[in-house]
Amino acid sequence: MAQPVQLAPGSLALVLSPREAGQAAEEPGGRALFRAFRRANARCFWNACLARAASRLAFLGWLQRRVLLVRAPQPCVQVLRDAWRRRALRSPRGFRITAVGDVFPVQMSPIAQCRFVPLAEVLCCSIADMNAAQAAVTQESLLEHLKKHYPGHRAWHLIIRPFWMELEDRVFCRTVKT
């Protein structure tokens, strides 16, 4: 079993709420709010540490209930914590920050994939992808597609040729019967 992976270490959660009650309907997305938050704090030229910390912030995500997840190097995270404590952290326009808190690392346990590749699924997905790309599906083009998108399987040609012959036989039999 694979080792657990820590997600979002050294991150902060900022809980935002609209300043006006009717604003919730036209609320911008998480990335737009993140950019507005970063811009608002990067403009604090009188507090160079806060401006620098804001410029080093990275967007991690936007959760329901207006929670913005951000990450930065540990010294920058500490500057943001201190700014919040001193009520100096600026919120995005039209919003107010109601809470700021540390996010404890979430652990993910990776799920191992088996080495088995379901042939029917692979062929259907490959042909559907090629059709969506408006590429002609021939034996050679399908073989190239499989080699490109499912690397590591050296025997694709051994699988495709019999499949293709079976497919051609079925098409030939249908055309002869009609």
N, C-alpha and C. Protein backbone atom coordinates (compact mmCIF):
# COMPACT_ATOMS: atom_id res chain seq x y z
N MET A 1 0.84 -1.18 0.00
CA MET A 1 0.00 0.00 0.00
C MET A 1 0.89 1.24 0.00
N ALA A 2 0.50 2.22 -0.76
CA ALA A 2 1.29 3.46 -0.88
C ALA A 2 1.19 4.29 0.40
N GLN A 3 2.22 5.08 0.62
CA GLN A 3 2.26 5.96 1.79
C GLN A 3 1.21 7.07 1.63
N PRO A 4 0.60 7.50 2.75
CA PRO A 4 -0.34 8.62 2.67
C PRO A 4 0.37 9.89 2.19
N VAL A 5 -0.35 10.71 1.46
CA VAL A 5 0.18 11.96 0.93
C VAL A 5 -0.52 13.11 1.64
N GLN A 6 0.25 14.08 2.12
CA GLN A 6 -0.35 15.24 2.77
C GLN A 6 -0.77 16.25 1.72
N LEU A 7 -2.00 16.68 1.82
CA LEU A 7 -2.53 17.69 0.91
C LEU A 7 -2.63 19.02 1.63
N ALA A 8 -2.23 20.07 0.98
CA ALA A 8 -2.35 21.44 1.47
C ALA A 8 -1.66 21.71 2.79
N PRO A 9 -0.40 21.28 2.96
CA PRO A 9 0.29 21.65 4.20
C PRO A 9 0.61 23.14 4.19
N GLY A 10 0.58 23.77 5.35
CA GLY A 10 0.91 25.18 5.46
C GLY A 10 -0.09 26.08 4.77
N SER A 11 -1.37 25.78 4.91
CA SER A 11 -2.37 26.60 4.24
C SER A 11 -3.31 27.24 5.25
N LEU A 12 -3.98 28.27 4.77
CA LEU A 12 -4.96 29.01 5.58
C LEU A 12 -6.32 28.94 4.92
N ALA A 13 -7.34 29.00 5.74
CA ALA A 13 -8.71 29.11 5.25
C ALA A 13 -9.23 30.48 5.63
N LEU A 14 -9.81 31.18 4.67
CA LEU A 14 -10.41 32.48 4.92
C LEU A 14 -11.91 32.35 4.66
N VAL A 15 -12.70 32.61 5.67
CA VAL A 15 -14.16 32.53 5.53
C VAL A 15 -14.65 33.93 5.17
N LEU A 16 -15.31 34.02 4.04
CA LEU A 16 -15.79 35.31 3.53
C LEU A 16 -17.30 35.37 3.59
N SER A 17 -17.82 36.58 3.75
CA SER A 17 -19.26 36.78 3.65
C SER A 17 -19.50 38.09 2.92
N PRO A 18 -20.59 38.16 2.15
CA PRO A 18 -20.86 39.39 1.41
C PRO A 18 -21.20 40.54 2.37
N ARG A 19 -20.80 41.74 2.02
CA ARG A 19 -21.12 42.91 2.85
C ARG A 19 -22.60 43.23 2.79
N GLU A 20 -23.24 42.95 1.64
CA GLU A 20 -24.67 43.23 1.48
C GLU A 20 -25.40 41.92 1.24
N ALA A 21 -26.61 41.81 1.79
CA ALA A 21 -27.37 40.55 1.72
C ALA A 21 -27.71 40.15 0.29
N GLY A 22 -28.04 41.06 -0.59
CA GLY A 22 -28.45 40.74 -1.95
C GLY A 22 -27.30 40.37 -2.86
N GLN A 23 -26.08 40.48 -2.39
CA GLN A 23 -24.91 40.25 -3.24
C GLN A 23 -24.67 38.78 -3.52
N ALA A 24 -25.21 37.89 -2.71
CA ALA A 24 -24.93 36.45 -2.86
C ALA A 24 -25.30 35.91 -4.23
N ALA A 25 -26.33 36.47 -4.88
CA ALA A 25 -26.77 35.96 -6.18
C ALA A 25 -25.71 36.15 -7.27
N GLU A 26 -25.02 37.29 -7.29
CA GLU A 26 -24.04 37.54 -8.34
C GLU A 26 -22.61 37.39 -7.83
N GLU A 27 -22.41 36.46 -6.96
CA GLU A 27 -21.11 36.24 -6.34
C GLU A 27 -20.07 35.73 -7.34
N PRO A 28 -18.87 36.32 -7.33
CA PRO A 28 -17.82 35.83 -8.24
C PRO A 28 -17.28 34.48 -7.77
N GLY A 29 -16.53 33.81 -8.62
CA GLY A 29 -15.96 32.51 -8.28
C GLY A 29 -14.77 32.64 -7.34
N GLY A 30 -14.27 31.51 -6.90
CA GLY A 30 -13.18 31.46 -5.94
C GLY A 30 -11.89 32.09 -6.45
N ARG A 31 -11.55 31.82 -7.71
CA ARG A 31 -10.30 32.41 -8.25
C ARG A 31 -10.38 33.92 -8.32
N ALA A 32 -11.53 34.45 -8.72
CA ALA A 32 -11.69 35.90 -8.79
C ALA A 32 -11.59 36.52 -7.40
N LEU A 33 -12.18 35.88 -6.41
CA LEU A 33 -12.08 36.40 -5.04
C LEU A 33 -10.65 36.30 -4.52
N PHE A 34 -9.96 35.23 -4.87
CA PHE A 34 -8.57 35.10 -4.47
C PHE A 34 -7.73 36.23 -5.05
N ARG A 35 -7.91 36.50 -6.34
CA ARG A 35 -7.15 37.58 -6.98
C ARG A 35 -7.48 38.93 -6.33
N ALA A 36 -8.76 39.15 -6.02
CA ALA A 36 -9.16 40.40 -5.38
C ALA A 36 -8.56 40.51 -3.97
N PHE A 37 -8.53 39.41 -3.25
CA PHE A 37 -7.94 39.40 -1.90
C PHE A 37 -6.44 39.69 -1.98
N ARG A 38 -5.79 39.03 -2.89
CA ARG A 38 -4.35 39.23 -3.05
C ARG A 38 -4.03 40.67 -3.46
N ARG A 39 -4.81 41.18 -4.40
CA ARG A 39 -4.61 42.56 -4.86
C ARG A 39 -4.82 43.56 -3.73
N ALA A 40 -5.88 43.36 -2.93
CA ALA A 40 -6.18 44.28 -1.84
C ALA A 40 -5.05 44.33 -0.83
N ASN A 41 -4.43 43.21 -0.55
CA ASN A 41 -3.36 43.18 0.45
C ASN A 41 -2.00 43.51 -0.13
N ALA A 42 -1.82 43.27 -1.42
CA ALA A 42 -0.54 43.63 -2.06
C ALA A 42 -0.40 45.14 -2.21
N ARG A 43 -1.53 45.86 -2.15
CA ARG A 43 -1.49 47.32 -2.27
C ARG A 43 -1.15 48.01 -0.95
N CYS A 44 -0.94 47.27 0.10
CA CYS A 44 -0.62 47.85 1.42
C CYS A 44 0.86 48.23 1.44
N PHE A 45 1.23 49.28 0.70
CA PHE A 45 2.63 49.67 0.58
C PHE A 45 3.22 50.09 1.93
N TRP A 46 2.39 50.53 2.87
CA TRP A 46 2.86 50.93 4.19
C TRP A 46 3.23 49.73 5.05
N ASN A 47 2.80 48.52 4.64
CA ASN A 47 3.14 47.29 5.34
C ASN A 47 3.81 46.36 4.34
N ALA A 48 5.10 46.56 4.15
CA ALA A 48 5.84 45.82 3.13
C ALA A 48 5.78 44.31 3.34
N CYS A 49 5.79 43.88 4.60
CA CYS A 49 5.72 42.43 4.88
C CYS A 49 4.40 41.84 4.40
N LEU A 50 3.30 42.53 4.65
CA LEU A 50 1.99 42.05 4.22
C LEU A 50 1.89 42.07 2.69
N ALA A 51 2.38 43.13 2.07
CA ALA A 51 2.34 43.21 0.61
C ALA A 51 3.15 42.08 -0.02
N ARG A 52 4.32 41.79 0.53
CA ARG A 52 5.16 40.71 0.01
C ARG A 52 4.49 39.35 0.24
N ALA A 53 3.92 39.16 1.43
CA ALA A 53 3.25 37.89 1.74
C ALA A 53 2.07 37.67 0.80
N ALA A 54 1.31 38.73 0.54
CA ALA A 54 0.15 38.61 -0.36
C ALA A 54 0.59 38.26 -1.77
N SER A 55 1.71 38.80 -2.19
CA SER A 55 2.17 38.51 -3.56
C SER A 55 2.66 37.07 -3.70
N ARG A 56 2.98 36.42 -2.59
CA ARG A 56 3.48 35.03 -2.65
C ARG A 56 2.39 34.00 -2.41
N LEU A 57 1.17 34.46 -2.25
CA LEU A 57 0.06 33.54 -2.01
C LEU A 57 -0.27 32.71 -3.25
N ALA A 58 -0.71 31.49 -3.00
CA ALA A 58 -1.16 30.60 -4.08
C ALA A 58 -2.59 30.17 -3.77
N PHE A 59 -3.39 30.08 -4.81
CA PHE A 59 -4.78 29.63 -4.69
C PHE A 59 -4.81 28.12 -4.56
N LEU A 60 -5.48 27.63 -3.53
CA LEU A 60 -5.64 26.17 -3.37
C LEU A 60 -7.04 25.70 -3.71
N GLY A 61 -8.03 26.51 -3.36
CA GLY A 61 -9.38 26.07 -3.65
C GLY A 61 -10.43 26.98 -3.06
N TRP A 62 -11.65 26.68 -3.44
CA TRP A 62 -12.82 27.43 -3.03
C TRP A 62 -13.84 26.41 -2.57
N LEU A 63 -14.19 26.45 -1.31
CA LEU A 63 -15.12 25.47 -0.75
C LEU A 63 -16.51 26.10 -0.60
N GLN A 64 -17.50 25.25 -0.45
CA GLN A 64 -18.84 25.75 -0.19
C GLN A 64 -18.82 26.59 1.08
N ARG A 65 -19.79 27.40 1.20
CA ARG A 65 -19.92 28.33 2.33
C ARG A 65 -18.84 29.40 2.31
N ARG A 66 -18.35 29.73 1.13
CA ARG A 66 -17.42 30.84 0.90
C ARG A 66 -16.12 30.73 1.70
N VAL A 67 -15.47 29.59 1.58
CA VAL A 67 -14.18 29.40 2.24
C VAL A 67 -13.10 29.37 1.16
N LEU A 68 -12.17 30.30 1.27
CA LEU A 68 -11.06 30.42 0.34
C LEU A 68 -9.84 29.76 0.97
N LEU A 69 -9.25 28.79 0.26
CA LEU A 69 -8.04 28.12 0.75
C LEU A 69 -6.84 28.70 0.02
N VAL A 70 -5.85 29.16 0.80
CA VAL A 70 -4.64 29.74 0.23
C VAL A 70 -3.42 29.09 0.86
N ARG A 71 -2.29 29.17 0.15
CA ARG A 71 -1.04 28.61 0.66
C ARG A 71 0.08 29.58 0.33
N ALA A 72 1.08 29.57 1.20
CA ALA A 72 2.26 30.40 1.00
C ALA A 72 3.38 29.78 1.81
N PRO A 73 4.62 30.22 1.59
CA PRO A 73 5.70 29.77 2.46
C PRO A 73 5.39 30.13 3.93
N GLN A 74 5.89 29.35 4.85
CA GLN A 74 5.54 29.51 6.27
C GLN A 74 5.72 30.94 6.80
N PRO A 75 6.81 31.64 6.49
CA PRO A 75 6.92 33.02 7.00
C PRO A 75 5.80 33.92 6.49
N CYS A 76 5.37 33.72 5.27
CA CYS A 76 4.28 34.52 4.71
C CYS A 76 2.95 34.18 5.38
N VAL A 77 2.74 32.91 5.66
CA VAL A 77 1.52 32.50 6.36
C VAL A 77 1.48 33.16 7.74
N GLN A 78 2.62 33.24 8.40
CA GLN A 78 2.68 33.87 9.72
C GLN A 78 2.36 35.37 9.61
N VAL A 79 2.83 36.02 8.57
CA VAL A 79 2.51 37.44 8.37
C VAL A 79 1.01 37.61 8.20
N LEU A 80 0.36 36.73 7.46
CA LEU A 80 -1.09 36.81 7.27
C LEU A 80 -1.82 36.57 8.60
N ARG A 81 -1.36 35.61 9.38
CA ARG A 81 -1.97 35.37 10.70
C ARG A 81 -1.87 36.63 11.57
N ASP A 82 -0.67 37.22 11.59
CA ASP A 82 -0.46 38.42 12.41
C ASP A 82 -1.32 39.58 11.91
N ALA A 83 -1.45 39.73 10.61
CA ALA A 83 -2.28 40.79 10.06
C ALA A 83 -3.74 40.59 10.46
N TRP A 84 -4.20 39.36 10.47
CA TRP A 84 -5.57 39.06 10.89
C TRP A 84 -5.75 39.41 12.37
N ARG A 85 -4.79 39.01 13.20
CA ARG A 85 -4.88 39.31 14.64
C ARG A 85 -4.96 40.82 14.89
N ARG A 86 -4.21 41.59 14.11
CA ARG A 86 -4.17 43.05 14.29
C ARG A 86 -5.29 43.76 13.53
N ARG A 87 -6.18 42.98 12.89
CA ARG A 87 -7.28 43.52 12.08
C ARG A 87 -6.77 44.35 10.90
N ALA A 88 -5.61 43.97 10.38
CA ALA A 88 -5.01 44.68 9.26
C ALA A 88 -5.17 43.94 7.94
N LEU A 89 -5.70 42.73 7.96
CA LEU A 89 -5.88 41.95 6.74
C LEU A 89 -7.08 42.51 5.97
N ARG A 90 -6.86 42.83 4.72
CA ARG A 90 -7.92 43.45 3.91
C ARG A 90 -8.68 42.39 3.14
N SER A 91 -9.97 42.59 3.04
CA SER A 91 -10.83 41.62 2.34
C SER A 91 -11.06 42.05 0.90
N PRO A 92 -11.50 41.13 0.06
CA PRO A 92 -11.83 41.51 -1.32
C PRO A 92 -13.01 42.49 -1.33
N ARG A 93 -13.07 43.32 -2.34
CA ARG A 93 -14.14 44.32 -2.43
C ARG A 93 -15.51 43.63 -2.42
N GLY A 94 -16.41 44.16 -1.60
CA GLY A 94 -17.77 43.63 -1.50
C GLY A 94 -17.91 42.50 -0.51
N PHE A 95 -16.82 42.08 0.12
CA PHE A 95 -16.84 40.97 1.07
C PHE A 95 -16.14 41.40 2.35
N ARG A 96 -16.40 40.65 3.40
CA ARG A 96 -15.63 40.83 4.63
C ARG A 96 -15.14 39.46 5.07
N ILE A 97 -13.99 39.46 5.71
CA ILE A 97 -13.43 38.21 6.22
C ILE A 97 -14.01 38.00 7.61
N THR A 98 -14.69 36.89 7.81
CA THR A 98 -15.29 36.63 9.12
C THR A 98 -14.43 35.71 9.98
N ALA A 99 -13.53 34.96 9.36
CA ALA A 99 -12.64 34.08 10.13
C ALA A 99 -11.45 33.70 9.28
N VAL A 100 -10.31 33.51 9.95
CA VAL A 100 -9.09 33.01 9.31
C VAL A 100 -8.57 31.91 10.21
N GLY A 101 -8.17 30.80 9.61
CA GLY A 101 -7.65 29.71 10.43
C GLY A 101 -6.70 28.82 9.67
N ASP A 102 -5.87 28.13 10.44
CA ASP A 102 -4.94 27.17 9.87
C ASP A 102 -5.70 25.93 9.43
N VAL A 103 -5.29 25.39 8.31
CA VAL A 103 -5.88 24.15 7.82
C VAL A 103 -4.88 23.05 8.13
N PHE A 104 -5.31 22.10 8.92
CA PHE A 104 -4.42 20.98 9.22
C PHE A 104 -4.33 20.12 7.97
N PRO A 105 -3.16 19.60 7.69
CA PRO A 105 -3.00 18.83 6.45
C PRO A 105 -3.99 17.68 6.37
N VAL A 106 -4.62 17.60 5.24
CA VAL A 106 -5.53 16.50 4.94
C VAL A 106 -4.68 15.40 4.36
N GLN A 107 -4.92 14.18 4.77
CA GLN A 107 -4.14 13.08 4.23
C GLN A 107 -4.94 12.31 3.20
N MET A 108 -4.27 11.95 2.16
CA MET A 108 -4.87 11.15 1.11
C MET A 108 -4.11 9.83 1.05
N SER A 109 -4.84 8.75 1.02
CA SER A 109 -4.22 7.44 0.84
C SER A 109 -4.43 7.03 -0.61
N PRO A 110 -3.36 7.03 -1.41
CA PRO A 110 -3.51 6.69 -2.83
C PRO A 110 -4.05 5.27 -3.02
N ILE A 111 -4.91 5.13 -4.00
CA ILE A 111 -5.48 3.83 -4.34
C ILE A 111 -4.65 3.27 -5.49
N ALA A 112 -4.11 2.09 -5.28
CA ALA A 112 -3.26 1.47 -6.30
C ALA A 112 -4.11 0.98 -7.47
N GLN A 113 -3.58 1.16 -8.67
CA GLN A 113 -4.24 0.64 -9.85
C GLN A 113 -3.69 -0.73 -10.17
N CYS A 114 -4.56 -1.59 -10.66
CA CYS A 114 -4.09 -2.92 -11.04
C CYS A 114 -3.44 -2.83 -12.42
N ARG A 115 -2.73 -3.85 -12.79
CA ARG A 115 -2.05 -3.87 -14.08
C ARG A 115 -2.99 -4.30 -15.20
N PHE A 116 -4.18 -4.77 -14.84
CA PHE A 116 -5.16 -5.23 -15.81
C PHE A 116 -5.76 -4.03 -16.54
N VAL A 117 -5.81 -4.10 -17.86
CA VAL A 117 -6.43 -3.07 -18.67
C VAL A 117 -7.62 -3.71 -19.37
N PRO A 118 -8.86 -3.29 -19.06
CA PRO A 118 -10.02 -3.90 -19.72
C PRO A 118 -10.03 -3.53 -21.20
N LEU A 119 -9.81 -4.51 -22.04
CA LEU A 119 -9.64 -4.28 -23.47
C LEU A 119 -10.86 -3.60 -24.09
N ALA A 120 -12.05 -4.05 -23.78
CA ALA A 120 -13.26 -3.45 -24.37
C ALA A 120 -13.36 -1.97 -24.01
N GLU A 121 -13.08 -1.63 -22.78
CA GLU A 121 -13.13 -0.23 -22.33
C GLU A 121 -12.09 0.61 -23.05
N VAL A 122 -10.89 0.08 -23.17
CA VAL A 122 -9.81 0.80 -23.84
C VAL A 122 -10.14 1.05 -25.30
N LEU A 123 -10.63 0.03 -25.98
CA LEU A 123 -10.96 0.18 -27.40
C LEU A 123 -12.11 1.15 -27.61
N CYS A 124 -13.14 1.04 -26.79
CA CYS A 124 -14.29 1.96 -26.94
C CYS A 124 -13.86 3.40 -26.66
N CYS A 125 -13.10 3.61 -25.60
CA CYS A 125 -12.63 4.96 -25.28
C CYS A 125 -11.74 5.52 -26.38
N SER A 126 -10.86 4.69 -26.89
CA SER A 126 -9.94 5.14 -27.94
C SER A 126 -10.69 5.52 -29.21
N ILE A 127 -11.62 4.68 -29.62
CA ILE A 127 -12.39 4.97 -30.83
C ILE A 127 -13.27 6.20 -30.62
N ALA A 128 -13.85 6.33 -29.44
CA ALA A 128 -14.66 7.53 -29.15
C ALA A 128 -13.80 8.79 -29.18
N ASP A 129 -12.60 8.72 -28.61
CA ASP A 129 -11.68 9.87 -28.63
C ASP A 129 -11.30 10.23 -30.06
N MET A 130 -11.02 9.22 -30.87
CA MET A 130 -10.64 9.49 -32.26
C MET A 130 -11.81 10.06 -33.06
N ASN A 131 -13.01 9.55 -32.79
CA ASN A 131 -14.20 10.10 -33.46
C ASN A 131 -14.43 11.55 -33.05
N ALA A 132 -14.26 11.84 -31.76
CA ALA A 132 -14.44 13.21 -31.28
C ALA A 132 -13.43 14.16 -31.91
N ALA A 133 -12.23 13.65 -32.18
CA ALA A 133 -11.19 14.45 -32.83
C ALA A 133 -11.33 14.43 -34.35
N GLN A 134 -12.37 13.77 -34.85
CA GLN A 134 -12.63 13.63 -36.28
C GLN A 134 -11.45 13.01 -37.02
N ALA A 135 -10.84 12.03 -36.36
CA ALA A 135 -9.72 11.30 -36.98
C ALA A 135 -10.26 9.98 -37.51
N ALA A 136 -9.80 9.60 -38.68
CA ALA A 136 -10.20 8.33 -39.27
C ALA A 136 -9.65 7.19 -38.42
N VAL A 137 -10.51 6.23 -38.12
CA VAL A 137 -10.09 5.08 -37.32
C VAL A 137 -9.73 3.95 -38.26
N THR A 138 -8.45 3.76 -38.43
CA THR A 138 -7.95 2.63 -39.22
C THR A 138 -7.15 1.76 -38.27
N GLN A 139 -6.75 0.63 -38.75
CA GLN A 139 -5.95 -0.26 -37.90
C GLN A 139 -4.67 0.45 -37.45
N GLU A 140 -4.03 1.14 -38.36
CA GLU A 140 -2.77 1.81 -38.04
C GLU A 140 -2.99 3.00 -37.09
N SER A 141 -4.03 3.81 -37.37
CA SER A 141 -4.26 4.98 -36.52
C SER A 141 -4.70 4.56 -35.11
N LEU A 142 -5.49 3.49 -35.02
CA LEU A 142 -5.90 2.98 -33.71
C LEU A 142 -4.69 2.46 -32.95
N LEU A 143 -3.82 1.76 -33.64
CA LEU A 143 -2.60 1.24 -33.01
C LEU A 143 -1.73 2.38 -32.48
N GLU A 144 -1.57 3.44 -33.28
CA GLU A 144 -0.78 4.60 -32.84
C GLU A 144 -1.43 5.28 -31.64
N HIS A 145 -2.76 5.41 -31.68
CA HIS A 145 -3.48 6.03 -30.57
C HIS A 145 -3.28 5.23 -29.28
N LEU A 146 -3.39 3.92 -29.38
CA LEU A 146 -3.22 3.07 -28.21
C LEU A 146 -1.80 3.16 -27.65
N LYS A 147 -0.81 3.16 -28.53
CA LYS A 147 0.59 3.27 -28.09
C LYS A 147 0.84 4.60 -27.38
N LYS A 148 0.20 5.65 -27.89
CA LYS A 148 0.40 6.99 -27.32
C LYS A 148 -0.30 7.14 -25.97
N HIS A 149 -1.56 6.68 -25.88
CA HIS A 149 -2.37 6.93 -24.68
C HIS A 149 -2.31 5.79 -23.66
N TYR A 150 -1.83 4.67 -24.02
CA TYR A 150 -1.68 3.54 -23.11
C TYR A 150 -0.28 2.96 -23.27
N PRO A 151 0.72 3.75 -22.91
CA PRO A 151 2.11 3.29 -23.09
C PRO A 151 2.43 2.14 -22.15
N GLY A 152 3.44 1.42 -22.49
CA GLY A 152 3.87 0.32 -21.64
C GLY A 152 3.29 -1.02 -22.05
N HIS A 153 2.33 -1.01 -22.93
CA HIS A 153 1.75 -2.26 -23.42
C HIS A 153 2.34 -2.51 -24.80
N ARG A 154 3.32 -3.38 -24.88
CA ARG A 154 4.05 -3.59 -26.12
C ARG A 154 3.31 -4.49 -27.11
N ALA A 155 2.28 -5.14 -26.65
CA ALA A 155 1.62 -6.14 -27.50
C ALA A 155 0.33 -5.63 -28.14
N TRP A 156 0.17 -4.32 -28.28
CA TRP A 156 -1.06 -3.79 -28.87
C TRP A 156 -1.30 -4.36 -30.26
N HIS A 157 -0.25 -4.48 -31.06
CA HIS A 157 -0.43 -4.99 -32.43
C HIS A 157 -0.94 -6.43 -32.42
N LEU A 158 -0.56 -7.22 -31.41
CA LEU A 158 -1.05 -8.61 -31.32
C LEU A 158 -2.54 -8.64 -30.97
N ILE A 159 -3.00 -7.62 -30.30
CA ILE A 159 -4.41 -7.56 -29.90
C ILE A 159 -5.25 -6.94 -31.01
N ILE A 160 -4.74 -5.89 -31.63
CA ILE A 160 -5.52 -5.13 -32.61
C ILE A 160 -5.74 -5.90 -33.90
N ARG A 161 -4.74 -6.59 -34.40
CA ARG A 161 -4.91 -7.29 -35.69
C ARG A 161 -6.06 -8.30 -35.66
N PRO A 162 -6.13 -9.19 -34.65
CA PRO A 162 -7.27 -10.12 -34.62
C PRO A 162 -8.60 -9.38 -34.42
N PHE A 163 -8.59 -8.35 -33.58
CA PHE A 163 -9.79 -7.55 -33.38
C PHE A 163 -10.25 -6.93 -34.69
N TRP A 164 -9.32 -6.37 -35.43
CA TRP A 164 -9.63 -5.70 -36.69
C TRP A 164 -10.15 -6.70 -37.72
N MET A 165 -9.52 -7.89 -37.76
CA MET A 165 -9.98 -8.91 -38.71
C MET A 165 -11.40 -9.36 -38.37
N GLU A 166 -11.69 -9.53 -37.08
CA GLU A 166 -13.03 -9.91 -36.63
C GLU A 166 -14.03 -8.82 -37.01
N LEU A 167 -13.64 -7.59 -36.83
CA LEU A 167 -14.51 -6.46 -37.17
C LEU A 167 -14.76 -6.43 -38.68
N GLU A 168 -13.74 -6.60 -39.48
CA GLU A 168 -13.90 -6.60 -40.93
C GLU A 168 -14.77 -7.76 -41.38
N ASP A 169 -14.61 -8.95 -40.75
CA ASP A 169 -15.45 -10.10 -41.10
C ASP A 169 -16.91 -9.80 -40.81
N ARG A 170 -17.20 -9.18 -39.67
CA ARG A 170 -18.59 -8.86 -39.32
C ARG A 170 -19.18 -7.86 -40.31
N VAL A 171 -18.42 -6.85 -40.66
CA VAL A 171 -18.90 -5.85 -41.62
C VAL A 171 -19.11 -6.50 -42.98
N PHE A 172 -18.17 -7.36 -43.40
CA PHE A 172 -18.26 -8.04 -44.68
C PHE A 172 -19.50 -8.95 -44.70
N CYS A 173 -19.73 -9.70 -43.62
CA CYS A 173 -20.88 -10.60 -43.54
C CYS A 173 -22.19 -9.81 -43.62
N ARG A 174 -22.26 -8.66 -42.99
CA ARG A 174 -23.49 -7.85 -43.04
C ARG A 174 -23.74 -7.33 -44.45
N THR A 175 -22.70 -6.91 -45.13
CA THR A 175 -22.88 -6.37 -46.48
C THR A 175 -23.25 -7.47 -47.47
N VAL A 176 -22.75 -8.70 -47.26
CA VAL A 176 -23.07 -9.80 -48.17
C VAL A 176 -24.52 -10.24 -47.98
N LYS A 177 -25.00 -10.27 -46.72
CA LYS A 177 -26.37 -10.72 -46.43
C LYS A 177 -27.40 -9.75 -46.95
N THR A 178 -27.13 -8.48 -47.01
CA THR A 178 -28.15 -7.51 -47.41
C THR A 178 -28.23 -7.33 -48.90
